[in-house]
PDB file of N, CA and C in Angstrom:
ATOM      1  N   MET A   1       0.819  -1.066   0.290  1.00  0.00           N
ATOM      2  CA  MET A   1      -0.190  -0.007   0.148  1.00  0.00           C
ATOM      3  C   MET A   1       1.093   1.417   0.036  1.00  0.00           C
ATOM      4  N   VAL A   2       0.673   2.477  -1.161  1.00  0.00           N
ATOM      5  CA  VAL A   2       1.316   3.135  -1.148  1.00  0.00           C
ATOM      6  C   VAL A   2       1.070   4.218   0.213  1.00  0.00           C
ATOM      7  N   THR A   3       2.007   4.846   0.741  1.00  0.00           N
ATOM      8  CA  THR A   3       1.621   5.966   1.602  1.00  0.00           C
ATOM      9  C   THR A   3       2.187   7.128   1.290  1.00  0.00           C
ATOM     10  N   LEU A   4       1.616   8.254   1.458  1.00  0.00           N
ATOM     11  CA  LEU A   4       2.127   9.324   0.669  1.00  0.00           C
ATOM     12  C   LEU A   4       3.114  10.068   1.989  1.00  0.00           C
ATOM     13  N   LYS A   5       4.137  10.793   1.218  1.00  0.00           N
ATOM     14  CA  LYS A   5       5.365  11.337   1.866  1.00  0.00           C
ATOM     15  C   LYS A   5       4.583  12.573   2.361  1.00  0.00           C
ATOM     16  N   SER A   6       3.518  13.176   3.261  1.00  0.00           N
ATOM     17  CA  SER A   6       2.868  14.640   3.031  1.00  0.00           C
ATOM     18  C   SER A   6       3.832  15.363   3.493  1.00  0.00           C
ATOM     19  N   ASP A   7       4.495  14.959   4.583  1.00  0.00           N
ATOM     20  CA  ASP A   7       5.665  15.889   5.358  1.00  0.00           C
ATOM     21  C   ASP A   7       6.554  16.662   4.056  1.00  0.00           C
ATOM     22  N   ASP A   8       7.166  15.597   3.246  1.00  0.00           N
ATOM     23  CA  ASP A   8       8.162  16.295   2.365  1.00  0.00           C
ATOM     24  C   ASP A   8       7.447  17.061   1.359  1.00  0.00           C
ATOM     25  N   ALA A   9       6.070  16.656   0.928  1.00  0.00           N
ATOM     26  CA  ALA A   9       5.343  17.540  -0.152  1.00  0.00           C
ATOM     27  C   ALA A   9       4.706  18.573   0.506  1.00  0.00           C
ATOM     28  N   LEU A  10       4.631  18.832   1.821  1.00  0.00           N
ATOM     29  CA  LEU A  10       4.023  19.976   2.151  1.00  0.00           C
ATOM     30  C   LEU A  10       5.060  20.828   2.560  1.00  0.00           C
ATOM     31  N   ARG A  11       6.465  20.592   2.831  1.00  0.00           N
ATOM     32  CA  ARG A  11       7.360  21.362   2.756  1.00  0.00           C
ATOM     33  C   ARG A  11       7.652  21.870   1.448  1.00  0.00           C
ATOM     34  N   GLY A  12       7.776  21.166   0.061  1.00  0.00           N
ATOM     35  CA  GLY A  12       7.779  21.935  -0.872  1.00  0.00           C
ATOM     36  C   GLY A  12       6.835  22.860  -1.218  1.00  0.00           C
ATOM     37  N   LEU A  13       5.773  22.731  -0.944  1.00  0.00           N
ATOM     38  CA  LEU A  13       4.826  23.895  -1.158  1.00  0.00           C
ATOM     39  C   LEU A  13       4.696  24.819   0.159  1.00  0.00           C
ATOM     40  N   GLY A  14       5.732  25.053   0.805  1.00  0.00           N
ATOM     41  CA  GLY A  14       5.825  25.867   1.695  1.00  0.00           C
ATOM     42  C   GLY A  14       4.778  25.691   3.159  1.00  0.00           C
ATOM     43  N   ASN A  15       4.644  24.254   3.310  1.00  0.00           N
ATOM     44  CA  ASN A  15       3.693  24.008   4.311  1.00  0.00           C
ATOM     45  C   ASN A  15       2.430  24.993   4.114  1.00  0.00           C
ATOM     46  N   ASN A  16       2.006  24.888   3.131  1.00  0.00           N
ATOM     47  CA  ASN A  16       0.707  25.682   3.003  1.00  0.00           C
ATOM     48  C   ASN A  16      -0.355  24.499   2.668  1.00  0.00           C
ATOM     49  N   THR A  17      -1.216  24.078   3.665  1.00  0.00           N
ATOM     50  CA  THR A  17      -2.114  23.070   3.821  1.00  0.00           C
ATOM     51  C   THR A  17      -3.293  22.859   2.467  1.00  0.00           C
ATOM     52  N   ASN A  18      -3.581  24.551   2.744  1.00  0.00           N
ATOM     53  CA  ASN A  18      -4.762  24.534   1.599  1.00  0.00           C
ATOM     54  C   ASN A  18      -4.310  24.355   0.091  1.00  0.00           C
ATOM     55  N   LEU A  19      -2.947  24.540  -0.301  1.00  0.00           N
ATOM     56  CA  LEU A  19      -2.206  24.695  -1.492  1.00  0.00           C
ATOM     57  C   LEU A  19      -2.132  23.099  -1.603  1.00  0.00           C
ATOM     58  N   TYR A  20      -1.765  22.416  -0.470  1.00  0.00           N
ATOM     59  CA  TYR A  20      -1.696  21.182  -0.808  1.00  0.00           C
ATOM     60  C   TYR A  20      -2.827  20.071  -1.028  1.00  0.00           C
ATOM     61  N   ARG A  21      -3.935  20.679  -0.697  1.00  0.00           N
ATOM     62  CA  ARG A  21      -5.183  20.215  -0.585  1.00  0.00           C
ATOM     63  C   ARG A  21      -5.723  19.953  -2.198  1.00  0.00           C
ATOM     64  N   ARG A  22      -5.608  21.232  -2.547  1.00  0.00           N
ATOM     65  CA  ARG A  22      -5.562  21.515  -4.254  1.00  0.00           C
ATOM     66  C   ARG A  22      -4.778  20.763  -4.877  1.00  0.00           C
ATOM     67  N   VAL A  23      -3.645  20.737  -4.681  1.00  0.00           N
ATOM     68  CA  VAL A  23      -2.281  19.838  -5.563  1.00  0.00           C
ATOM     69  C   VAL A  23      -3.126  18.375  -5.445  1.00  0.00           C
ATOM     70  N   LEU A  24      -3.412  18.023  -4.214  1.00  0.00           N
ATOM     71  CA  LEU A  24      -3.931  16.442  -4.064  1.00  0.00           C
ATOM     72  C   LEU A  24      -5.386  16.401  -4.942  1.00  0.00           C
ATOM     73  N   THR A  25      -6.194  17.440  -5.172  1.00  0.00           N
ATOM     74  CA  THR A  25      -7.642  17.197  -5.601  1.00  0.00           C
ATOM     75  C   THR A  25      -7.377  17.267  -7.466  1.00  0.00           C
ATOM     76  N   LYS A  26      -6.347  18.414  -7.861  1.00  0.00           N
ATOM     77  CA  LYS A  26      -6.008  18.477  -9.147  1.00  0.00           C
ATOM     78  C   LYS A  26      -5.390  16.961  -9.584  1.00  0.00           C
ATOM     79  N   PHE A  27      -4.676  16.311  -8.805  1.00  0.00           N
ATOM     80  CA  PHE A  27      -4.104  15.271  -9.353  1.00  0.00           C
ATOM     81  C   PHE A  27      -4.929  14.352  -9.280  1.00  0.00           C
ATOM     82  N   VAL A  28      -5.952  13.942  -8.386  1.00  0.00           N
ATOM     83  CA  VAL A  28      -6.835  13.116  -8.405  1.00  0.00           C
ATOM     84  C   VAL A  28      -8.143  13.435  -9.801  1.00  0.00           C
ATOM     85  N   ASP A  29      -8.148  14.080  -9.880  1.00  0.00           N
ATOM     86  CA  ASP A  29      -9.032  14.810 -11.144  1.00  0.00           C
ATOM     87  C   ASP A  29      -8.743  14.603 -12.218  1.00  0.00           C
ATOM     88  N   SER A  30      -7.134  14.939 -12.354  1.00  0.00           N
ATOM     89  CA  SER A  30      -6.645  14.997 -13.860  1.00  0.00           C
ATOM     90  C   SER A  30      -6.133  13.529 -14.156  1.00  0.00           C
ATOM     91  N   TYR A  31      -5.285  12.645 -13.163  1.00  0.00           N
ATOM     92  CA  TYR A  31      -4.866  11.811 -13.561  1.00  0.00           C
ATOM     93  C   TYR A  31      -5.214  10.170 -13.232  1.00  0.00           C
ATOM     94  N   THR A  32      -6.511  10.324 -12.713  1.00  0.00           N
ATOM     95  CA  THR A  32      -7.199   8.923 -12.037  1.00  0.00           C
ATOM     96  C   THR A  32      -6.792   7.800 -13.387  1.00  0.00           C
ATOM     97  N   ASN A  33      -7.433   8.372 -14.084  1.00  0.00           N
ATOM     98  CA  ASN A  33      -7.268   7.530 -15.601  1.00  0.00           C
ATOM     99  C   ASN A  33      -5.971   7.560 -16.419  1.00  0.00           C
ATOM    100  N   ALA A  34      -4.917   7.713 -15.938  1.00  0.00           N
ATOM    101  CA  ALA A  34      -3.538   7.921 -16.478  1.00  0.00           C
ATOM    102  C   ALA A  34      -3.014   6.826 -16.922  1.00  0.00           C
ATOM    103  N   ALA A  35      -2.874   5.752 -16.105  1.00  0.00           N
ATOM    104  CA  ALA A  35      -2.798   4.134 -16.310  1.00  0.00           C
ATOM    105  C   ALA A  35      -3.275   3.674 -17.822  1.00  0.00           C
ATOM    106  N   GLU A  36      -4.294   3.900 -17.920  1.00  0.00           N
ATOM    107  CA  GLU A  36      -5.258   3.922 -18.978  1.00  0.00           C
ATOM    108  C   GLU A  36      -4.821   4.464 -20.151  1.00  0.00           C
ATOM    109  N   THR A  37      -4.175   5.651 -20.108  1.00  0.00           N
ATOM    110  CA  THR A  37      -4.257   6.619 -21.293  1.00  0.00           C
ATOM    111  C   THR A  37      -2.641   6.398 -21.271  1.00  0.00           C
ATOM    112  N   LEU A  38      -1.868   5.980 -20.848  1.00  0.00           N
ATOM    113  CA  LEU A  38      -0.721   5.589 -20.959  1.00  0.00           C
ATOM    114  C   LEU A  38      -0.448   4.089 -21.515  1.00  0.00           C
ATOM    115  N   ALA A  39      -1.012   3.300 -21.014  1.00  0.00           N
ATOM    116  CA  ALA A  39      -1.186   1.839 -21.774  1.00  0.00           C
ATOM    117  C   ALA A  39      -1.533   2.413 -23.486  1.00  0.00           C
ATOM    118  N   ALA A  40      -2.380   3.050 -23.560  1.00  0.00           N
ATOM    119  CA  ALA A  40      -3.438   3.029 -24.774  1.00  0.00           C
ATOM    120  C   ALA A  40      -2.185   3.592 -25.580  1.00  0.00           C
ATOM    121  N   HIS A  41      -1.481   5.069 -25.213  1.00  0.00           N
ATOM    122  CA  HIS A  41      -0.568   5.650 -26.292  1.00  0.00           C
ATOM    123  C   HIS A  41       0.656   4.450 -26.544  1.00  0.00           C
ATOM    124  N   VAL A  42       0.990   3.757 -25.518  1.00  0.00           N
ATOM    125  CA  VAL A  42       2.046   2.677 -25.837  1.00  0.00           C
ATOM    126  C   VAL A  42       1.701   1.709 -26.697  1.00  0.00           C
ATOM    127  N   ASN A  43       0.602   0.825 -26.474  1.00  0.00           N
ATOM    128  CA  ASN A  43      -0.063  -0.089 -27.156  1.00  0.00           C
ATOM    129  C   ASN A  43      -0.206   0.450 -28.523  1.00  0.00           C
ATOM    130  N   ALA A  44      -0.510   1.757 -28.884  1.00  0.00           N
ATOM    131  CA  ALA A  44      -0.759   2.377 -30.362  1.00  0.00           C
ATOM    132  C   ALA A  44       0.584   2.577 -31.082  1.00  0.00           C
ATOM    133  N   GLN A  45       1.467   2.395 -30.217  1.00  0.00           N
ATOM    134  CA  GLN A  45       3.162   3.056 -30.455  1.00  0.00           C
ATOM    135  C   GLN A  45       3.570   4.174 -30.840  1.00  0.00           C
ATOM    136  N   GLU A  46       2.577   5.083 -29.368  1.00  0.00           N
ATOM    137  CA  GLU A  46       2.656   6.522 -29.561  1.00  0.00           C
ATOM    138  C   GLU A  46       3.630   6.803 -28.569  1.00  0.00           C
ATOM    139  N   TYR A  47       4.869   5.935 -28.992  1.00  0.00           N
ATOM    140  CA  TYR A  47       5.618   6.350 -27.935  1.00  0.00           C
ATOM    141  C   TYR A  47       6.399   7.811 -27.267  1.00  0.00           C
ATOM    142  N   GLU A  48       6.293   8.888 -27.942  1.00  0.00           N
ATOM    143  CA  GLU A  48       6.294   9.921 -27.444  1.00  0.00           C
ATOM    144  C   GLU A  48       5.139  10.428 -26.560  1.00  0.00           C
ATOM    145  N   GLU A  49       4.230  10.340 -27.097  1.00  0.00           N
ATOM    146  CA  GLU A  49       2.988  10.751 -25.998  1.00  0.00           C
ATOM    147  C   GLU A  49       3.204   9.944 -24.714  1.00  0.00           C
ATOM    148  N   ALA A  50       3.238   8.606 -25.090  1.00  0.00           N
ATOM    149  CA  ALA A  50       3.481   8.201 -23.433  1.00  0.00           C
ATOM    150  C   ALA A  50       4.618   8.479 -22.809  1.00  0.00           C
ATOM    151  N   GLU A  51       5.946   8.831 -23.282  1.00  0.00           N
ATOM    152  CA  GLU A  51       7.088   9.296 -22.672  1.00  0.00           C
ATOM    153  C   GLU A  51       6.672  10.759 -21.982  1.00  0.00           C
ATOM    154  N   ARG A  52       5.819  11.389 -22.788  1.00  0.00           N
ATOM    155  CA  ARG A  52       5.558  12.865 -22.022  1.00  0.00           C
ATOM    156  C   ARG A  52       4.774  12.596 -20.540  1.00  0.00           C
ATOM    157  N   LEU A  53       3.769  11.548 -21.270  1.00  0.00           N
ATOM    158  CA  LEU A  53       2.686  11.584 -19.986  1.00  0.00           C
ATOM    159  C   LEU A  53       3.539  10.892 -18.617  1.00  0.00           C
ATOM    160  N   ALA A  54       4.589   9.902 -18.817  1.00  0.00           N
ATOM    161  CA  ALA A  54       5.137   9.334 -18.266  1.00  0.00           C
ATOM    162  C   ALA A  54       6.152  10.647 -17.399  1.00  0.00           C
ATOM    163  N   HIS A  55       6.839  11.184 -18.052  1.00  0.00           N
ATOM    164  CA  HIS A  55       7.695  12.537 -17.515  1.00  0.00           C
ATOM    165  C   HIS A  55       6.752  13.399 -16.391  1.00  0.00           C
ATOM    166  N   THR A  56       5.501  13.635 -17.042  1.00  0.00           N
ATOM    167  CA  THR A  56       4.537  14.381 -16.367  1.00  0.00           C
ATOM    168  C   THR A  56       3.819  13.894 -15.087  1.00  0.00           C
ATOM    169  N   ILE A  57       4.100  12.747 -14.897  1.00  0.00           N
ATOM    170  CA  ILE A  57       3.148  12.361 -14.041  1.00  0.00           C
ATOM    171  C   ILE A  57       4.691  11.882 -12.726  1.00  0.00           C
ATOM    172  N   LYS A  58       5.764  11.844 -13.227  1.00  0.00           N
ATOM    173  CA  LYS A  58       6.916  11.703 -12.553  1.00  0.00           C
ATOM    174  C   LYS A  58       6.898  12.936 -11.698  1.00  0.00           C
ATOM    175  N   GLY A  59       6.970  14.107 -12.326  1.00  0.00           N
ATOM    176  CA  GLY A  59       7.065  15.230 -11.693  1.00  0.00           C
ATOM    177  C   GLY A  59       6.054  15.567 -10.813  1.00  0.00           C
ATOM    178  N   LEU A  60       4.704  15.421 -11.057  1.00  0.00           N
ATOM    179  CA  LEU A  60       3.793  15.425 -10.002  1.00  0.00           C
ATOM    180  C   LEU A  60       3.685  14.379  -8.855  1.00  0.00           C
ATOM    181  N   ALA A  61       4.235  13.266  -9.120  1.00  0.00           N
ATOM    182  CA  ALA A  61       4.172  12.490  -7.836  1.00  0.00           C
ATOM    183  C   ALA A  61       4.765  12.942  -6.932  1.00  0.00           C
ATOM    184  N   GLY A  62       5.798  14.152  -7.335  1.00  0.00           N
ATOM    185  CA  GLY A  62       6.752  14.777  -6.332  1.00  0.00           C
ATOM    186  C   GLY A  62       5.942  15.421  -5.649  1.00  0.00           C
ATOM    187  N   SER A  63       5.185  15.935  -6.397  1.00  0.00           N
ATOM    188  CA  SER A  63       4.408  17.460  -5.515  1.00  0.00           C
ATOM    189  C   SER A  63       3.438  16.931  -4.740  1.00  0.00           C
ATOM    190  N   VAL A  64       2.884  15.469  -4.800  1.00  0.00           N
ATOM    191  CA  VAL A  64       2.034  15.172  -4.154  1.00  0.00           C
ATOM    192  C   VAL A  64       2.524  14.028  -2.737  1.00  0.00           C
ATOM    193  N   GLY A  65       3.892  13.696  -2.883  1.00  0.00           N
ATOM    194  CA  GLY A  65       4.558  13.047  -1.937  1.00  0.00           C
ATOM    195  C   GLY A  65       4.491  11.744  -2.513  1.00  0.00           C
ATOM    196  N   ALA A  66       4.533  11.194  -3.227  1.00  0.00           N
ATOM    197  CA  ALA A  66       4.381  10.061  -3.794  1.00  0.00           C
ATOM    198  C   ALA A  66       5.813   9.111  -4.821  1.00  0.00           C
ATOM    199  N   PRO A  67       6.579   9.230  -3.977  1.00  0.00           N
ATOM    200  CA  PRO A  67       7.925   8.634  -4.894  1.00  0.00           C
ATOM    201  C   PRO A  67       7.841   7.481  -5.457  1.00  0.00           C
ATOM    202  N   GLU A  68       6.660   6.522  -4.617  1.00  0.00           N
ATOM    203  CA  GLU A  68       6.753   5.248  -5.479  1.00  0.00           C
ATOM    204  C   GLU A  68       6.512   5.216  -6.668  1.00  0.00           C
ATOM    205  N   LEU A  69       5.459   6.249  -6.971  1.00  0.00           N
ATOM    206  CA  LEU A  69       4.773   6.489  -8.280  1.00  0.00           C
ATOM    207  C   LEU A  69       5.788   7.282  -9.205  1.00  0.00           C
ATOM    208  N   ALA A  70       6.461   8.253  -8.735  1.00  0.00           N
ATOM    209  CA  ALA A  70       7.609   8.724  -9.523  1.00  0.00           C
ATOM    210  C   ALA A  70       8.465   7.812  -9.820  1.00  0.00           C
ATOM    211  N   GLU A  71       8.986   6.721  -9.060  1.00  0.00           N
ATOM    212  CA  GLU A  71       9.735   5.706  -9.693  1.00  0.00           C
ATOM    213  C   GLU A  71       9.278   5.190 -10.731  1.00  0.00           C
ATOM    214  N   LYS A  72       7.941   4.325 -10.255  1.00  0.00           N
ATOM    215  CA  LYS A  72       7.529   3.539 -11.342  1.00  0.00           C
ATOM    216  C   LYS A  72       7.127   4.680 -12.942  1.00  0.00           C
ATOM    217  N   ALA A  73       6.792   5.632 -12.843  1.00  0.00           N
ATOM    218  CA  ALA A  73       6.896   6.545 -14.195  1.00  0.00           C
ATOM    219  C   ALA A  73       8.401   7.029 -14.800  1.00  0.00           C
ATOM    220  N   MET A  74       9.161   7.223 -14.147  1.00  0.00           N
ATOM    221  CA  MET A  74      10.593   7.316 -14.313  1.00  0.00           C
ATOM    222  C   MET A  74      11.182   6.080 -15.278  1.00  0.00           C
ATOM    223  N   GLY A  75      10.448   4.963 -14.623  1.00  0.00           N
ATOM    224  CA  GLY A  75      10.938   3.487 -15.031  1.00  0.00           C
ATOM    225  C   GLY A  75      10.433   3.434 -16.804  1.00  0.00           C
ATOM    226  N   ILE A  76       9.410   3.701 -16.666  1.00  0.00           N
ATOM    227  CA  ILE A  76       8.403   3.720 -18.101  1.00  0.00           C
ATOM    228  C   ILE A  76       9.029   4.823 -18.989  1.00  0.00           C
ATOM    229  N   GLU A  77       9.357   6.077 -18.215  1.00  0.00           N
ATOM    230  CA  GLU A  77      10.087   7.039 -19.105  1.00  0.00           C
ATOM    231  C   GLU A  77      11.281   6.482 -19.751  1.00  0.00           C
ATOM    232  N   GLN A  78      12.317   5.961 -19.063  1.00  0.00           N
ATOM    233  CA  GLN A  78      13.189   5.517 -19.556  1.00  0.00           C
ATOM    234  C   GLN A  78      13.676   4.537 -20.580  1.00  0.00           C
ATOM    235  N   ALA A  79      12.636   3.665 -19.939  1.00  0.00           N
ATOM    236  CA  ALA A  79      12.156   2.674 -21.035  1.00  0.00           C
ATOM    237  C   ALA A  79      12.294   2.800 -22.425  1.00  0.00           C
ATOM    238  N   LEU A  80      11.080   3.616 -22.499  1.00  0.00           N
ATOM    239  CA  LEU A  80      10.329   4.539 -23.961  1.00  0.00           C
ATOM    240  C   LEU A  80      11.617   5.223 -24.458  1.00  0.00           C
ATOM    241  N   HIS A  81      12.568   6.134 -23.722  1.00  0.00           N
ATOM    242  CA  HIS A  81      13.480   6.657 -23.992  1.00  0.00           C
ATOM    243  C   HIS A  81      14.394   5.932 -24.797  1.00  0.00           C
ATOM    244  N   ALA A  82      14.632   4.778 -24.168  1.00  0.00           N
ATOM    245  CA  ALA A  82      15.871   3.668 -24.352  1.00  0.00           C
ATOM    246  C   ALA A  82      15.157   3.166 -25.617  1.00  0.00           C
ATOM    247  N   GLY A  83      14.010   3.121 -26.169  1.00  0.00           N
ATOM    248  CA  GLY A  83      13.438   2.446 -27.501  1.00  0.00           C
ATOM    249  C   GLY A  83      12.554   0.978 -27.068  1.00  0.00           C
ATOM    250  N   ALA A  84      12.161   0.740 -25.847  1.00  0.00           N
ATOM    251  CA  ALA A  84      11.404  -0.370 -25.775  1.00  0.00           C
ATOM    252  C   ALA A  84      10.053  -0.350 -26.347  1.00  0.00           C
ATOM    253  N   ASP A  85       9.737  -1.366 -26.501  1.00  0.00           N
ATOM    254  CA  ASP A  85       8.118  -1.521 -27.521  1.00  0.00           C
ATOM    255  C   ASP A  85       7.477  -1.792 -26.474  1.00  0.00           C
ATOM    256  N   ALA A  86       6.329  -1.843 -27.070  1.00  0.00           N
ATOM    257  CA  ALA A  86       4.856  -2.138 -26.409  1.00  0.00           C
ATOM    258  C   ALA A  86       4.969  -3.367 -25.617  1.00  0.00           C
ATOM    259  N   GLU A  87       5.420  -4.126 -26.194  1.00  0.00           N
ATOM    260  CA  GLU A  87       5.626  -5.547 -25.194  1.00  0.00           C
ATOM    261  C   GLU A  87       6.235  -5.570 -24.266  1.00  0.00           C
ATOM    262  N   ALA A  88       7.417  -4.797 -24.455  1.00  0.00           N
ATOM    263  CA  ALA A  88       8.648  -4.947 -23.302  1.00  0.00           C
ATOM    264  C   ALA A  88       8.212  -3.971 -21.921  1.00  0.00           C
ATOM    265  N   CYS A  89       7.053  -3.125 -22.422  1.00  0.00           N
ATOM    266  CA  CYS A  89       6.686  -2.143 -21.495  1.00  0.00           C
ATOM    267  C   CYS A  89       5.496  -2.430 -20.414  1.00  0.00           C
ATOM    268  N   GLN A  90       4.946  -3.946 -20.601  1.00  0.00           N
ATOM    269  CA  GLN A  90       3.855  -4.189 -19.877  1.00  0.00           C
ATOM    270  C   GLN A  90       3.957  -4.360 -18.655  1.00  0.00           C
ATOM    271  N   PRO A  91       4.959  -5.510 -18.390  1.00  0.00           N
ATOM    272  CA  PRO A  91       5.200  -5.443 -17.005  1.00  0.00           C
ATOM    273  C   PRO A  91       5.041  -4.351 -16.082  1.00  0.00           C
ATOM    274  N   GLN A  92       6.083  -3.333 -16.807  1.00  0.00           N
ATOM    275  CA  GLN A  92       6.399  -1.612 -16.019  1.00  0.00           C
ATOM    276  C   GLN A  92       5.121  -1.313 -16.068  1.00  0.00           C
ATOM    277  N   LEU A  93       4.115  -0.931 -17.156  1.00  0.00           N
ATOM    278  CA  LEU A  93       2.459  -0.744 -17.368  1.00  0.00           C
ATOM    279  C   LEU A  93       1.742  -1.326 -16.112  1.00  0.00           C
ATOM    280  N   ALA A  94       1.759  -2.507 -15.720  1.00  0.00           N
ATOM    281  CA  ALA A  94       0.884  -3.213 -14.745  1.00  0.00           C
ATOM    282  C   ALA A  94       1.075  -2.773 -13.498  1.00  0.00           C
ATOM    283  N   GLN A  95       2.974  -2.490 -13.087  1.00  0.00           N
ATOM    284  CA  GLN A  95       3.150  -1.998 -12.072  1.00  0.00           C
ATOM    285  C   GLN A  95       2.824  -0.456 -11.618  1.00  0.00           C
ATOM    286  N   PHE A  96       2.817   0.113 -12.603  1.00  0.00           N
ATOM    287  CA  PHE A  96       2.448   1.429 -12.655  1.00  0.00           C
ATOM    288  C   PHE A  96       0.925   1.643 -12.320  1.00  0.00           C
ATOM    289  N   ALA A  97       0.019   0.945 -12.939  1.00  0.00           N
ATOM    290  CA  ALA A  97      -1.260   0.698 -12.816  1.00  0.00           C
ATOM    291  C   ALA A  97      -1.539   0.776 -11.275  1.00  0.00           C
ATOM    292  N   THR A  98      -0.896  -0.517 -10.700  1.00  0.00           N
ATOM    293  CA  THR A  98      -1.529  -0.665  -9.200  1.00  0.00           C
ATOM    294  C   THR A  98      -1.040   0.661  -8.641  1.00  0.00           C
ATOM    295  N   THR A  99       0.182   1.061  -8.767  1.00  0.00           N
ATOM    296  CA  THR A  99       0.829   2.020  -7.560  1.00  0.00           C
ATOM    297  C   THR A  99       0.216   3.329  -7.954  1.00  0.00           C
ATOM    298  N   LEU A 100      -0.428   3.576  -8.899  1.00  0.00           N
ATOM    299  CA  LEU A 100      -1.358   4.986  -9.243  1.00  0.00           C
ATOM    300  C   LEU A 100      -2.442   4.778  -8.398  1.00  0.00           C
ATOM    301  N   ALA A 101      -2.969   3.886  -8.680  1.00  0.00           N
ATOM    302  CA  ALA A 101      -4.412   3.403  -8.048  1.00  0.00           C
ATOM    303  C   ALA A 101      -4.215   3.622  -6.574  1.00  0.00           C
ATOM    304  N   GLU A 102      -3.627   3.124  -6.157  1.00  0.00           N
ATOM    305  CA  GLU A 102      -2.960   3.075  -4.757  1.00  0.00           C
ATOM    306  C   GLU A 102      -2.583   4.659  -4.410  1.00  0.00           C
ATOM    307  N   THR A 103      -1.674   5.232  -5.096  1.00  0.00           N
ATOM    308  CA  THR A 103      -1.603   6.665  -4.890  1.00  0.00           C
ATOM    309  C   THR A 103      -3.030   7.530  -4.850  1.00  0.00           C
ATOM    310  N   ILE A 104      -3.715   7.384  -6.070  1.00  0.00           N
ATOM    311  CA  ILE A 104      -5.113   7.769  -6.011  1.00  0.00           C
ATOM    312  C   ILE A 104      -5.534   7.736  -4.417  1.00  0.00           C
ATOM    313  N   ALA A 105      -5.850   6.714  -4.103  1.00  0.00           N
ATOM    314  CA  ALA A 105      -6.521   6.458  -3.102  1.00  0.00           C
ATOM    315  C   ALA A 105      -5.931   6.999  -1.716  1.00  0.00           C
ATOM    316  N   ALA A 106      -4.892   6.891  -1.823  1.00  0.00           N
ATOM    317  CA  ALA A 106      -4.157   7.682  -0.681  1.00  0.00           C
ATOM    318  C   ALA A 106      -4.249   9.110  -0.567  1.00  0.00           C
ATOM    319  N   CYS A 107      -3.857   9.753  -1.821  1.00  0.00           N
ATOM    320  CA  CYS A 107      -4.459  11.223  -2.187  1.00  0.00           C
ATOM    321  C   CYS A 107      -5.922  11.450  -1.655  1.00  0.00           C
ATOM    322  N   ARG A 108      -6.727  10.720  -1.648  1.00  0.00           N
ATOM    323  CA  ARG A 108      -8.526  10.747  -1.712  1.00  0.00           C
ATOM    324  C   ARG A 108      -8.228  11.008  -0.076  1.00  0.00           C
ATOM    325  N   GLU A 109      -7.737   9.680   0.603  1.00  0.00           N
ATOM    326  CA  GLU A 109      -7.293   9.689   1.675  1.00  0.00           C
ATOM    327  C   GLU A 109      -7.148  10.992   2.445  1.00  0.00           C
ATOM    328  N   MET A 110      -5.920  11.474   2.235  1.00  0.00           N
ATOM    329  CA  MET A 110      -5.276  12.679   2.419  1.00  0.00           C
ATOM    330  C   MET A 110      -5.897  14.083   2.577  1.00  0.00           C
ATOM    331  N   VAL A 111      -6.673  13.994   1.390  1.00  0.00           N
ATOM    332  CA  VAL A 111      -7.931  15.363   1.039  1.00  0.00           C
ATOM    333  C   VAL A 111      -8.834  15.371   2.270  1.00  0.00           C
ATOM    334  N   ALA A 112      -9.263  14.223   2.525  1.00  0.00           N
ATOM    335  CA  ALA A 112     -10.286  13.986   3.714  1.00  0.00           C
ATOM    336  C   ALA A 112      -9.893  14.503   5.213  1.00  0.00           C
ATOM    337  N   THR A 113      -8.726  14.230   5.385  1.00  0.00           N
ATOM    338  CA  THR A 113      -8.073  14.557   6.572  1.00  0.00           C
ATOM    339  C   THR A 113      -7.412  16.235   6.668  1.00  0.00           C
ATOM    340  N   LEU A 114      -7.634  16.725   5.418  1.00  0.00           N
ATOM    341  CA  LEU A 114      -6.759  17.945   5.705  1.00  0.00           C
ATOM    342  C   LEU A 114      -8.131  19.046   6.054  1.00  0.00           C
TER     343      LEU A 114
END
């Protein structure tokens, strides 16, 4: 189960709880279906789009305090950059989907407690 590093994220946001709540909410609203979108790009051989989305999520994961998600996104980004094809990315996509779902759930829980 993913645990958010909320203290780190809050420090990065100047300890602004209201801003953190907005960042978490925006992340949940915008990226809940990102695993499906990422897989669709990879499976359609739209590797540039997939790499860009993985890169974006890697960065945003830091903002919400989700280093595990950042790591999974970075792995996909690096694999695609190195020329991995859709078949080679499937295990990473599956791990990413699981981690993203857990992160989204953790973000929702955190919003409810802020």
